[in-house]
Amino acid sequence: MVDSDATRKTFVVPDITPLDLYDCTRAKICASVGWLLAKSYGNAEHVPVELREPFYCDQYEQEHLKPPVTRLLFSSELLPHLRSAAGGPGGVRGSKRQRHPAAAPRQQGRGPQ
């Protein structure tokens, strides 16, 4: 059996950055901001184009967060979207939110003696 060009599958290989050029802090910020935006807008495809790449370079070749991203992170606009994406007003999926046993209130008169 001979592979033809029509049946051959090709995959896009991402660029691999050498470790000495990789900026771990930038990658963490991009991943965190990207996750927040994707969750608040439903998925990554619904994030506005101007917010998809959160950084810009200034005239000194330093990277900064774009002003619209900064304003969005400082505003309370994302919080309701993130809460609803997490499952409701309490942010927990399910009918009741359960408290951790250590967070339960102490009964009076039952403390250490």
PDB file of N, CA and C in Angstrom:
ATOM      1  N   MET A   1       0.838  -1.162   0.000  1.00  0.00           N
ATOM      2  CA  MET A   1       0.000   0.000   0.000  1.00  0.00           C
ATOM      3  C   MET A   1       0.890   1.234   0.000  1.00  0.00           C
ATOM      4  N   VAL A   2       0.583   2.195  -0.845  1.00  0.00           N
ATOM      5  CA  VAL A   2       1.391   3.391  -1.014  1.00  0.00           C
ATOM      6  C   VAL A   2       0.628   4.578  -0.416  1.00  0.00           C
ATOM      7  N   ASP A   3       1.324   5.378   0.393  1.00  0.00           N
ATOM      8  CA  ASP A   3       0.713   6.582   0.952  1.00  0.00           C
ATOM      9  C   ASP A   3       0.635   7.654  -0.120  1.00  0.00           C
ATOM     10  N   SER A   4      -0.510   8.210  -0.260  1.00  0.00           N
ATOM     11  CA  SER A   4      -0.641   9.332  -1.177  1.00  0.00           C
ATOM     12  C   SER A   4      -0.636  10.617  -0.366  1.00  0.00           C
ATOM     13  N   ASP A   5      -0.469  11.747  -1.048  1.00  0.00           N
ATOM     14  CA  ASP A   5      -0.446  13.035  -0.367  1.00  0.00           C
ATOM     15  C   ASP A   5      -1.790  13.349   0.289  1.00  0.00           C
ATOM     16  N   ALA A   6      -2.874  12.823  -0.267  1.00  0.00           N
ATOM     17  CA  ALA A   6      -4.206  13.112   0.261  1.00  0.00           C
ATOM     18  C   ALA A   6      -4.457  12.388   1.586  1.00  0.00           C
ATOM     19  N   THR A   7      -3.856  11.220   1.774  1.00  0.00           N
ATOM     20  CA  THR A   7      -4.114  10.459   2.989  1.00  0.00           C
ATOM     21  C   THR A   7      -3.047  10.672   4.056  1.00  0.00           C
ATOM     22  N   ARG A   8      -1.976  11.325   3.723  1.00  0.00           N
ATOM     23  CA  ARG A   8      -0.904  11.537   4.681  1.00  0.00           C
ATOM     24  C   ARG A   8      -1.308  12.665   5.637  1.00  0.00           C
ATOM     25  N   LYS A   9      -1.199  12.382   6.923  1.00  0.00           N
ATOM     26  CA  LYS A   9      -1.544  13.382   7.924  1.00  0.00           C
ATOM     27  C   LYS A   9      -0.273  14.125   8.335  1.00  0.00           C
ATOM     28  N   THR A  10      -0.421  15.412   8.508  1.00  0.00           N
ATOM     29  CA  THR A  10       0.705  16.199   8.986  1.00  0.00           C
ATOM     30  C   THR A  10       0.303  16.853  10.302  1.00  0.00           C
ATOM     31  N   PHE A  11       1.249  17.007  11.162  1.00  0.00           N
ATOM     32  CA  PHE A  11       1.017  17.618  12.457  1.00  0.00           C
ATOM     33  C   PHE A  11       1.865  18.870  12.571  1.00  0.00           C
ATOM     34  N   VAL A  12       1.307  19.864  13.220  1.00  0.00           N
ATOM     35  CA  VAL A  12       2.053  21.086  13.449  1.00  0.00           C
ATOM     36  C   VAL A  12       2.901  20.882  14.694  1.00  0.00           C
ATOM     37  N   VAL A  13       4.181  21.060  14.553  1.00  0.00           N
ATOM     38  CA  VAL A  13       5.103  20.904  15.667  1.00  0.00           C
ATOM     39  C   VAL A  13       5.379  22.290  16.241  1.00  0.00           C
ATOM     40  N   PRO A  14       5.123  22.472  17.533  1.00  0.00           N
ATOM     41  CA  PRO A  14       5.373  23.795  18.110  1.00  0.00           C
ATOM     42  C   PRO A  14       6.865  24.097  18.167  1.00  0.00           C
ATOM     43  N   ASP A  15       7.174  25.377  18.149  1.00  0.00           N
ATOM     44  CA  ASP A  15       8.570  25.777  18.287  1.00  0.00           C
ATOM     45  C   ASP A  15       9.050  25.416  19.677  1.00  0.00           C
ATOM     46  N   ILE A  16      10.217  24.822  19.743  1.00  0.00           N
ATOM     47  CA  ILE A  16      10.785  24.447  21.026  1.00  0.00           C
ATOM     48  C   ILE A  16      11.877  25.455  21.360  1.00  0.00           C
ATOM     49  N   THR A  17      11.692  26.143  22.471  1.00  0.00           N
ATOM     50  CA  THR A  17      12.647  27.154  22.898  1.00  0.00           C
ATOM     51  C   THR A  17      13.738  26.490  23.722  1.00  0.00           C
ATOM     52  N   PRO A  18      14.995  26.769  23.424  1.00  0.00           N
ATOM     53  CA  PRO A  18      16.079  26.212  24.247  1.00  0.00           C
ATOM     54  C   PRO A  18      15.953  26.695  25.696  1.00  0.00           C
ATOM     55  N   LEU A  19      16.389  25.875  26.635  1.00  0.00           N
ATOM     56  CA  LEU A  19      16.242  26.204  28.048  1.00  0.00           C
ATOM     57  C   LEU A  19      16.944  27.495  28.441  1.00  0.00           C
ATOM     58  N   ASP A  20      18.056  27.813  27.805  1.00  0.00           N
ATOM     59  CA  ASP A  20      18.758  29.037  28.175  1.00  0.00           C
ATOM     60  C   ASP A  20      18.020  30.290  27.698  1.00  0.00           C
ATOM     61  N   LEU A  21      17.058  30.145  26.771  1.00  0.00           N
ATOM     62  CA  LEU A  21      16.262  31.273  26.298  1.00  0.00           C
ATOM     63  C   LEU A  21      14.837  31.266  26.851  1.00  0.00           C
ATOM     64  N   TYR A  22      14.460  30.200  27.544  1.00  0.00           N
ATOM     65  CA  TYR A  22      13.098  30.051  28.042  1.00  0.00           C
ATOM     66  C   TYR A  22      12.889  30.914  29.279  1.00  0.00           C
ATOM     67  N   ASP A  23      11.823  31.697  29.287  1.00  0.00           N
ATOM     68  CA  ASP A  23      11.495  32.558  30.423  1.00  0.00           C
ATOM     69  C   ASP A  23      10.354  31.910  31.199  1.00  0.00           C
ATOM     70  N   CYS A  24      10.711  31.262  32.294  1.00  0.00           N
ATOM     71  CA  CYS A  24       9.742  30.517  33.091  1.00  0.00           C
ATOM     72  C   CYS A  24       8.688  31.444  33.693  1.00  0.00           C
ATOM     73  N   THR A  25       9.084  32.607  34.171  1.00  0.00           N
ATOM     74  CA  THR A  25       8.147  33.541  34.788  1.00  0.00           C
ATOM     75  C   THR A  25       7.120  34.019  33.772  1.00  0.00           C
ATOM     76  N   ARG A  26       7.570  34.353  32.571  1.00  0.00           N
ATOM     77  CA  ARG A  26       6.661  34.802  31.512  1.00  0.00           C
ATOM     78  C   ARG A  26       5.684  33.694  31.151  1.00  0.00           C
ATOM     79  N   ALA A  27       6.185  32.469  31.065  1.00  0.00           N
ATOM     80  CA  ALA A  27       5.328  31.340  30.720  1.00  0.00           C
ATOM     81  C   ALA A  27       4.257  31.110  31.783  1.00  0.00           C
ATOM     82  N   LYS A  28       4.630  31.250  33.059  1.00  0.00           N
ATOM     83  CA  LYS A  28       3.659  31.078  34.142  1.00  0.00           C
ATOM     84  C   LYS A  28       2.583  32.156  34.089  1.00  0.00           C
ATOM     85  N   ILE A  29       2.999  33.395  33.842  1.00  0.00           N
ATOM     86  CA  ILE A  29       2.036  34.494  33.770  1.00  0.00           C
ATOM     87  C   ILE A  29       1.105  34.293  32.582  1.00  0.00           C
ATOM     88  N   CYS A  30       1.661  33.929  31.434  1.00  0.00           N
ATOM     89  CA  CYS A  30       0.832  33.683  30.242  1.00  0.00           C
ATOM     90  C   CYS A  30      -0.169  32.560  30.498  1.00  0.00           C
ATOM     91  N   ALA A  31       0.284  31.490  31.129  1.00  0.00           N
ATOM     92  CA  ALA A  31      -0.605  30.362  31.392  1.00  0.00           C
ATOM     93  C   ALA A  31      -1.697  30.750  32.388  1.00  0.00           C
ATOM     94  N   SER A  32      -1.330  31.471  33.433  1.00  0.00           N
ATOM     95  CA  SER A  32      -2.312  31.865  34.447  1.00  0.00           C
ATOM     96  C   SER A  32      -3.341  32.834  33.890  1.00  0.00           C
ATOM     97  N   VAL A  33      -2.871  33.862  33.187  1.00  0.00           N
ATOM     98  CA  VAL A  33      -3.790  34.842  32.604  1.00  0.00           C
ATOM     99  C   VAL A  33      -4.648  34.185  31.533  1.00  0.00           C
ATOM    100  N   GLY A  34      -4.040  33.328  30.732  1.00  0.00           N
ATOM    101  CA  GLY A  34      -4.789  32.617  29.701  1.00  0.00           C
ATOM    102  C   GLY A  34      -5.873  31.736  30.291  1.00  0.00           C
ATOM    103  N   TRP A  35      -5.566  31.052  31.404  1.00  0.00           N
ATOM    104  CA  TRP A  35      -6.560  30.205  32.057  1.00  0.00           C
ATOM    105  C   TRP A  35      -7.704  31.048  32.604  1.00  0.00           C
ATOM    106  N   LEU A  36      -7.362  32.163  33.290  1.00  0.00           N
ATOM    107  CA  LEU A  36      -8.405  33.042  33.834  1.00  0.00           C
ATOM    108  C   LEU A  36      -9.330  33.560  32.741  1.00  0.00           C
ATOM    109  N   LEU A  37      -8.736  34.019  31.654  1.00  0.00           N
ATOM    110  CA  LEU A  37      -9.545  34.568  30.567  1.00  0.00           C
ATOM    111  C   LEU A  37     -10.382  33.490  29.896  1.00  0.00           C
ATOM    112  N   ALA A  38      -9.792  32.315  29.683  1.00  0.00           N
ATOM    113  CA  ALA A  38     -10.539  31.230  29.047  1.00  0.00           C
ATOM    114  C   ALA A  38     -11.722  30.801  29.918  1.00  0.00           C
ATOM    115  N   LYS A  39     -11.516  30.711  31.228  1.00  0.00           N
ATOM    116  CA  LYS A  39     -12.602  30.331  32.124  1.00  0.00           C
ATOM    117  C   LYS A  39     -13.674  31.412  32.184  1.00  0.00           C
ATOM    118  N   SER A  40     -13.262  32.668  32.193  1.00  0.00           N
ATOM    119  CA  SER A  40     -14.256  33.737  32.331  1.00  0.00           C
ATOM    120  C   SER A  40     -15.047  33.960  31.042  1.00  0.00           C
ATOM    121  N   TYR A  41     -14.462  33.654  29.886  1.00  0.00           N
ATOM    122  CA  TYR A  41     -15.172  33.831  28.616  1.00  0.00           C
ATOM    123  C   TYR A  41     -15.759  32.525  28.085  1.00  0.00           C
ATOM    124  N   GLY A  42     -15.675  31.449  28.855  1.00  0.00           N
ATOM    125  CA  GLY A  42     -16.259  30.180  28.425  1.00  0.00           C
ATOM    126  C   GLY A  42     -15.224  29.214  27.893  1.00  0.00           C
ATOM    127  N   ASN A  43     -14.409  29.646  26.966  1.00  0.00           N
ATOM    128  CA  ASN A  43     -13.273  28.866  26.472  1.00  0.00           C
ATOM    129  C   ASN A  43     -12.308  29.811  25.757  1.00  0.00           C
ATOM    130  N   ALA A  44     -11.168  29.297  25.355  1.00  0.00           N
ATOM    131  CA  ALA A  44     -10.118  30.137  24.775  1.00  0.00           C
ATOM    132  C   ALA A  44     -10.533  30.774  23.448  1.00  0.00           C
ATOM    133  N   GLU A  45     -11.452  30.147  22.740  1.00  0.00           N
ATOM    134  CA  GLU A  45     -11.880  30.688  21.446  1.00  0.00           C
ATOM    135  C   GLU A  45     -12.716  31.956  21.592  1.00  0.00           C
ATOM    136  N   HIS A  46     -13.368  32.128  22.750  1.00  0.00           N
ATOM    137  CA  HIS A  46     -14.220  33.295  22.962  1.00  0.00           C
ATOM    138  C   HIS A  46     -13.491  34.490  23.569  1.00  0.00           C
ATOM    139  N   VAL A  47     -12.223  34.321  23.925  1.00  0.00           N
ATOM    140  CA  VAL A  47     -11.435  35.429  24.480  1.00  0.00           C
ATOM    141  C   VAL A  47     -11.204  36.444  23.368  1.00  0.00           C
ATOM    142  N   PRO A  48     -11.443  37.732  23.647  1.00  0.00           N
ATOM    143  CA  PRO A  48     -11.209  38.744  22.607  1.00  0.00           C
ATOM    144  C   PRO A  48      -9.760  38.703  22.097  1.00  0.00           C
ATOM    145  N   VAL A  49      -9.596  38.999  20.830  1.00  0.00           N
ATOM    146  CA  VAL A  49      -8.292  38.900  20.179  1.00  0.00           C
ATOM    147  C   VAL A  49      -7.248  39.763  20.878  1.00  0.00           C
ATOM    148  N   GLU A  50      -7.633  40.960  21.312  1.00  0.00           N
ATOM    149  CA  GLU A  50      -6.661  41.865  21.939  1.00  0.00           C
ATOM    150  C   GLU A  50      -6.189  41.375  23.303  1.00  0.00           C
ATOM    151  N   LEU A  51      -6.857  40.369  23.878  1.00  0.00           N
ATOM    152  CA  LEU A  51      -6.453  39.836  25.178  1.00  0.00           C
ATOM    153  C   LEU A  51      -5.742  38.493  25.084  1.00  0.00           C
ATOM    154  N   ARG A  52      -5.686  37.900  23.927  1.00  0.00           N
ATOM    155  CA  ARG A  52      -5.107  36.554  23.806  1.00  0.00           C
ATOM    156  C   ARG A  52      -3.615  36.529  24.076  1.00  0.00           C
ATOM    157  N   GLU A  53      -2.891  37.521  23.639  1.00  0.00           N
ATOM    158  CA  GLU A  53      -1.466  37.633  23.961  1.00  0.00           C
ATOM    159  C   GLU A  53      -1.348  38.755  24.982  1.00  0.00           C
ATOM    160  N   PRO A  54      -1.100  38.429  26.267  1.00  0.00           N
ATOM    161  CA  PRO A  54      -1.192  39.436  27.317  1.00  0.00           C
ATOM    162  C   PRO A  54      -0.024  40.422  27.389  1.00  0.00           C
ATOM    163  N   PHE A  55       1.070  40.178  26.679  1.00  0.00           N
ATOM    164  CA  PHE A  55       2.247  41.041  26.779  1.00  0.00           C
ATOM    165  C   PHE A  55       2.435  41.933  25.562  1.00  0.00           C
ATOM    166  N   TYR A  56       3.116  43.036  25.758  1.00  0.00           N
ATOM    167  CA  TYR A  56       3.594  43.881  24.671  1.00  0.00           C
ATOM    168  C   TYR A  56       5.005  44.348  25.027  1.00  0.00           C
ATOM    169  N   CYS A  57       5.774  44.728  24.025  1.00  0.00           N
ATOM    170  CA  CYS A  57       7.130  45.240  24.249  1.00  0.00           C
ATOM    171  C   CYS A  57       7.125  46.754  24.113  1.00  0.00           C
ATOM    172  N   ASP A  58       7.801  47.420  25.044  1.00  0.00           N
ATOM    173  CA  ASP A  58       7.895  48.877  24.966  1.00  0.00           C
ATOM    174  C   ASP A  58       9.115  49.271  24.125  1.00  0.00           C
ATOM    175  N   GLN A  59       9.411  50.578  24.092  1.00  0.00           N
ATOM    176  CA  GLN A  59      10.506  51.062  23.249  1.00  0.00           C
ATOM    177  C   GLN A  59      11.865  50.585  23.745  1.00  0.00           C
ATOM    178  N   TYR A  60      11.945  50.094  24.992  1.00  0.00           N
ATOM    179  CA  TYR A  60      13.210  49.592  25.541  1.00  0.00           C
ATOM    180  C   TYR A  60      13.296  48.072  25.471  1.00  0.00           C
ATOM    181  N   GLU A  61      12.379  47.463  24.709  1.00  0.00           N
ATOM    182  CA  GLU A  61      12.312  46.006  24.529  1.00  0.00           C
ATOM    183  C   GLU A  61      12.022  45.270  25.837  1.00  0.00           C
ATOM    184  N   GLN A  62      11.327  45.918  26.769  1.00  0.00           N
ATOM    185  CA  GLN A  62      10.878  45.263  27.982  1.00  0.00           C
ATOM    186  C   GLN A  62       9.417  44.857  27.808  1.00  0.00           C
ATOM    187  N   GLU A  63       9.088  43.681  28.322  1.00  0.00           N
ATOM    188  CA  GLU A  63       7.719  43.206  28.200  1.00  0.00           C
ATOM    189  C   GLU A  63       6.889  43.657  29.396  1.00  0.00           C
ATOM    190  N   HIS A  64       5.646  44.039  29.111  1.00  0.00           N
ATOM    191  CA  HIS A  64       4.694  44.447  30.133  1.00  0.00           C
ATOM    192  C   HIS A  64       3.342  43.838  29.785  1.00  0.00           C
ATOM    193  N   LEU A  65       2.488  43.712  30.815  1.00  0.00           N
ATOM    194  CA  LEU A  65       1.118  43.300  30.537  1.00  0.00           C
ATOM    195  C   LEU A  65       0.414  44.426  29.794  1.00  0.00           C
ATOM    196  N   LYS A  66      -0.397  44.064  28.829  1.00  0.00           N
ATOM    197  CA  LYS A  66      -1.157  45.072  28.085  1.00  0.00           C
ATOM    198  C   LYS A  66      -2.118  45.791  29.035  1.00  0.00           C
ATOM    199  N   PRO A  67      -2.331  47.088  28.835  1.00  0.00           N
ATOM    200  CA  PRO A  67      -3.250  47.830  29.707  1.00  0.00           C
ATOM    201  C   PRO A  67      -4.657  47.232  29.793  1.00  0.00           C
ATOM    202  N   PRO A  68      -5.257  46.743  28.686  1.00  0.00           N
ATOM    203  CA  PRO A  68      -6.591  46.134  28.845  1.00  0.00           C
ATOM    204  C   PRO A  68      -6.587  44.894  29.746  1.00  0.00           C
ATOM    205  N   VAL A  69      -5.511  44.119  29.699  1.00  0.00           N
ATOM    206  CA  VAL A  69      -5.405  42.934  30.551  1.00  0.00           C
ATOM    207  C   VAL A  69      -5.264  43.367  32.007  1.00  0.00           C
ATOM    208  N   THR A  70      -4.415  44.366  32.244  1.00  0.00           N
ATOM    209  CA  THR A  70      -4.225  44.870  33.603  1.00  0.00           C
ATOM    210  C   THR A  70      -5.521  45.421  34.173  1.00  0.00           C
ATOM    211  N   ARG A  71      -6.240  46.215  33.382  1.00  0.00           N
ATOM    212  CA  ARG A  71      -7.516  46.775  33.852  1.00  0.00           C
ATOM    213  C   ARG A  71      -8.511  45.674  34.176  1.00  0.00           C
ATOM    214  N   LEU A  72      -8.550  44.652  33.340  1.00  0.00           N
ATOM    215  CA  LEU A  72      -9.484  43.550  33.567  1.00  0.00           C
ATOM    216  C   LEU A  72      -9.137  42.777  34.834  1.00  0.00           C
ATOM    217  N   LEU A  73      -7.846  42.574  35.079  1.00  0.00           N
ATOM    218  CA  LEU A  73      -7.427  41.849  36.278  1.00  0.00           C
ATOM    219  C   LEU A  73      -7.687  42.655  37.548  1.00  0.00           C
ATOM    220  N   PHE A  74      -7.572  43.981  37.469  1.00  0.00           N
ATOM    221  CA  PHE A  74      -7.818  44.825  38.633  1.00  0.00           C
ATOM    222  C   PHE A  74      -9.304  45.078  38.874  1.00  0.00           C
ATOM    223  N   SER A  75     -10.111  44.907  37.860  1.00  0.00           N
ATOM    224  CA  SER A  75     -11.545  45.152  38.028  1.00  0.00           C
ATOM    225  C   SER A  75     -12.201  43.912  38.631  1.00  0.00           C
ATOM    226  N   SER A  76     -13.446  44.071  39.009  1.00  0.00           N
ATOM    227  CA  SER A  76     -14.190  42.922  39.537  1.00  0.00           C
ATOM    228  C   SER A  76     -15.010  42.249  38.447  1.00  0.00           C
ATOM    229  N   GLU A  77     -14.723  42.556  37.206  1.00  0.00           N
ATOM    230  CA  GLU A  77     -15.498  42.050  36.076  1.00  0.00           C
ATOM    231  C   GLU A  77     -15.343  40.542  35.881  1.00  0.00           C
ATOM    232  N   LEU A  78     -14.169  39.995  36.174  1.00  0.00           N
ATOM    233  CA  LEU A  78     -13.932  38.571  35.951  1.00  0.00           C
ATOM    234  C   LEU A  78     -14.562  37.689  37.022  1.00  0.00           C
ATOM    235  N   LEU A  79     -14.696  38.202  38.229  1.00  0.00           N
ATOM    236  CA  LEU A  79     -15.127  37.384  39.352  1.00  0.00           C
ATOM    237  C   LEU A  79     -16.468  36.685  39.140  1.00  0.00           C
ATOM    238  N   PRO A  80     -17.532  37.381  38.701  1.00  0.00           N
ATOM    239  CA  PRO A  80     -18.797  36.661  38.493  1.00  0.00           C
ATOM    240  C   PRO A  80     -18.702  35.582  37.420  1.00  0.00           C
ATOM    241  N   HIS A  81     -17.916  35.846  36.380  1.00  0.00           N
ATOM    242  CA  HIS A  81     -17.754  34.851  35.321  1.00  0.00           C
ATOM    243  C   HIS A  81     -17.022  33.614  35.844  1.00  0.00           C
ATOM    244  N   LEU A  82     -15.987  33.837  36.660  1.00  0.00           N
ATOM    245  CA  LEU A  82     -15.232  32.718  37.204  1.00  0.00           C
ATOM    246  C   LEU A  82     -16.071  31.924  38.200  1.00  0.00           C
ATOM    247  N   ARG A  83     -16.865  32.614  39.002  1.00  0.00           N
ATOM    248  CA  ARG A  83     -17.733  31.909  39.946  1.00  0.00           C
ATOM    249  C   ARG A  83     -18.754  31.042  39.224  1.00  0.00           C
ATOM    250  N   SER A  84     -19.363  31.589  38.184  1.00  0.00           N
ATOM    251  CA  SER A  84     -20.360  30.793  37.458  1.00  0.00           C
ATOM    252  C   SER A  84     -19.702  29.631  36.732  1.00  0.00           C
ATOM    253  N   ALA A  85     -18.473  29.823  36.236  1.00  0.00           N
ATOM    254  CA  ALA A  85     -17.758  28.730  35.575  1.00  0.00           C
ATOM    255  C   ALA A  85     -17.373  27.646  36.564  1.00  0.00           C
ATOM    256  N   ALA A  86     -17.164  28.038  37.831  1.00  0.00           N
ATOM    257  CA  ALA A  86     -16.779  27.070  38.855  1.00  0.00           C
ATOM    258  C   ALA A  86     -17.982  26.358  39.451  1.00  0.00           C
ATOM    259  N   GLY A  87     -19.199  26.799  39.146  1.00  0.00           N
ATOM    260  CA  GLY A  87     -20.354  26.048  39.596  1.00  0.00           C
ATOM    261  C   GLY A  87     -21.358  26.805  40.426  1.00  0.00           C
ATOM    262  N   GLY A  88     -21.311  28.097  40.458  1.00  0.00           N
ATOM    263  CA  GLY A  88     -22.347  28.823  41.177  1.00  0.00           C
ATOM    264  C   GLY A  88     -21.796  29.903  42.077  1.00  0.00           C
ATOM    265  N   PRO A  89     -22.665  30.461  42.931  1.00  0.00           N
ATOM    266  CA  PRO A  89     -22.253  31.583  43.763  1.00  0.00           C
ATOM    267  C   PRO A  89     -21.146  31.238  44.742  1.00  0.00           C
ATOM    268  N   GLY A  90     -21.116  30.011  45.232  1.00  0.00           N
ATOM    269  CA  GLY A  90     -20.070  29.617  46.166  1.00  0.00           C
ATOM    270  C   GLY A  90     -18.815  29.147  45.478  1.00  0.00           C
ATOM    271  N   GLY A  91     -18.889  28.941  44.178  1.00  0.00           N
ATOM    272  CA  GLY A  91     -17.731  28.479  43.437  1.00  0.00           C
ATOM    273  C   GLY A  91     -17.496  26.986  43.544  1.00  0.00           C
ATOM    274  N   VAL A  92     -18.453  26.244  44.112  1.00  0.00           N
ATOM    275  CA  VAL A  92     -18.296  24.806  44.275  1.00  0.00           C
ATOM    276  C   VAL A  92     -19.459  24.121  43.590  1.00  0.00           C
ATOM    277  N   ARG A  93     -19.166  23.141  42.764  1.00  0.00           N
ATOM    278  CA  ARG A  93     -20.225  22.408  42.084  1.00  0.00           C
ATOM    279  C   ARG A  93     -20.937  21.514  43.091  1.00  0.00           C
ATOM    280  N   GLY A  94     -22.230  21.382  42.925  1.00  0.00           N
ATOM    281  CA  GLY A  94     -23.001  20.520  43.809  1.00  0.00           C
ATOM    282  C   GLY A  94     -24.048  21.308  44.565  1.00  0.00           C
ATOM    283  N   SER A  95     -24.830  20.577  45.364  1.00  0.00           N
ATOM    284  CA  SER A  95     -25.944  21.226  46.027  1.00  0.00           C
ATOM    285  C   SER A  95     -25.528  21.984  47.280  1.00  0.00           C
ATOM    286  N   LYS A  96     -24.594  21.448  48.065  1.00  0.00           N
ATOM    287  CA  LYS A  96     -24.189  22.108  49.302  1.00  0.00           C
ATOM    288  C   LYS A  96     -22.678  22.160  49.378  1.00  0.00           C
ATOM    289  N   ARG A  97     -22.201  23.236  49.939  1.00  0.00           N
ATOM    290  CA  ARG A  97     -20.771  23.363  50.156  1.00  0.00           C
ATOM    291  C   ARG A  97     -20.457  22.765  51.517  1.00  0.00           C
ATOM    292  N   GLN A  98     -19.514  21.851  51.558  1.00  0.00           N
ATOM    293  CA  GLN A  98     -19.169  21.215  52.817  1.00  0.00           C
ATOM    294  C   GLN A  98     -17.993  21.945  53.445  1.00  0.00           C
ATOM    295  N   ARG A  99     -18.072  22.096  54.754  1.00  0.00           N
ATOM    296  CA  ARG A  99     -16.999  22.760  55.475  1.00  0.00           C
ATOM    297  C   ARG A  99     -15.956  21.747  55.872  1.00  0.00           C
ATOM    298  N   HIS A 100     -14.733  22.203  55.931  1.00  0.00           N
ATOM    299  CA  HIS A 100     -13.636  21.374  56.413  1.00  0.00           C
ATOM    300  C   HIS A 100     -13.830  21.193  57.912  1.00  0.00           C
ATOM    301  N   PRO A 101     -13.569  19.997  58.475  1.00  0.00           N
ATOM    302  CA  PRO A 101     -13.793  19.775  59.909  1.00  0.00           C
ATOM    303  C   PRO A 101     -13.038  20.771  60.789  1.00  0.00           C
ATOM    304  N   ALA A 102     -11.858  21.204  60.378  1.00  0.00           N
ATOM    305  CA  ALA A 102     -11.085  22.146  61.185  1.00  0.00           C
ATOM    306  C   ALA A 102     -11.739  23.527  61.197  1.00  0.00           C
ATOM    307  N   ALA A 103     -12.579  23.816  60.209  1.00  0.00           N
ATOM    308  CA  ALA A 103     -13.230  25.118  60.136  1.00  0.00           C
ATOM    309  C   ALA A 103     -14.558  25.144  60.876  1.00  0.00           C
ATOM    310  N   ALA A 104     -14.986  24.012  61.422  1.00  0.00           N
ATOM    311  CA  ALA A 104     -16.259  23.958  62.137  1.00  0.00           C
ATOM    312  C   ALA A 104     -16.152  24.773  63.427  1.00  0.00           C
ATOM    313  N   PRO A 105     -17.221  25.462  63.817  1.00  0.00           N
ATOM    314  CA  PRO A 105     -17.169  26.254  65.047  1.00  0.00           C
ATOM    315  C   PRO A 105     -17.073  25.350  66.265  1.00  0.00           C
ATOM    316  N   ARG A 106     -16.351  25.835  67.263  1.00  0.00           N
ATOM    317  CA  ARG A 106     -16.199  25.067  68.500  1.00  0.00           C
ATOM    318  C   ARG A 106     -17.472  25.148  69.324  1.00  0.00           C
ATOM    319  N   GLN A 107     -17.755  24.062  69.985  1.00  0.00           N
ATOM    320  CA  GLN A 107     -18.884  24.072  70.912  1.00  0.00           C
ATOM    321  C   GLN A 107     -18.400  24.648  72.235  1.00  0.00           C
ATOM    322  N   GLN A 108     -19.218  25.470  72.841  1.00  0.00           N
ATOM    323  CA  GLN A 108     -18.813  26.089  74.095  1.00  0.00           C
ATOM    324  C   GLN A 108     -18.783  25.057  75.209  1.00  0.00           C
ATOM    325  N   GLY A 109     -17.797  25.219  76.084  1.00  0.00           N
ATOM    326  CA  GLY A 109     -17.686  24.327  77.213  1.00  0.00           C
ATOM    327  C   GLY A 109     -16.997  23.020  76.894  1.00  0.00           C
ATOM    328  N   ARG A 110     -16.549  22.817  75.684  1.00  0.00           N
ATOM    329  CA  ARG A 110     -15.932  21.547  75.290  1.00  0.00           C
ATOM    330  C   ARG A 110     -14.464  21.713  74.947  1.00  0.00           C
ATOM    331  N   GLY A 111     -13.893  22.873  75.263  1.00  0.00           N
ATOM    332  CA  GLY A 111     -12.496  23.131  74.930  1.00  0.00           C
ATOM    333  C   GLY A 111     -11.541  22.405  75.841  1.00  0.00           C
ATOM    334  N   PRO A 112     -10.234  22.544  75.622  1.00  0.00           N
ATOM    335  CA  PRO A 112      -9.236  21.877  76.478  1.00  0.00           C
ATOM    336  C   PRO A 112      -9.306  22.419  77.898  1.00  0.00           C
ATOM    337  N   GLN A 113      -9.099  21.525  78.853  1.00  0.00           N
ATOM    338  CA  GLN A 113      -9.193  21.928  80.257  1.00  0.00           C
ATOM    339  C   GLN A 113      -7.951  21.631  81.018  1.00  0.00           C
TER     340      GLN A 113
END
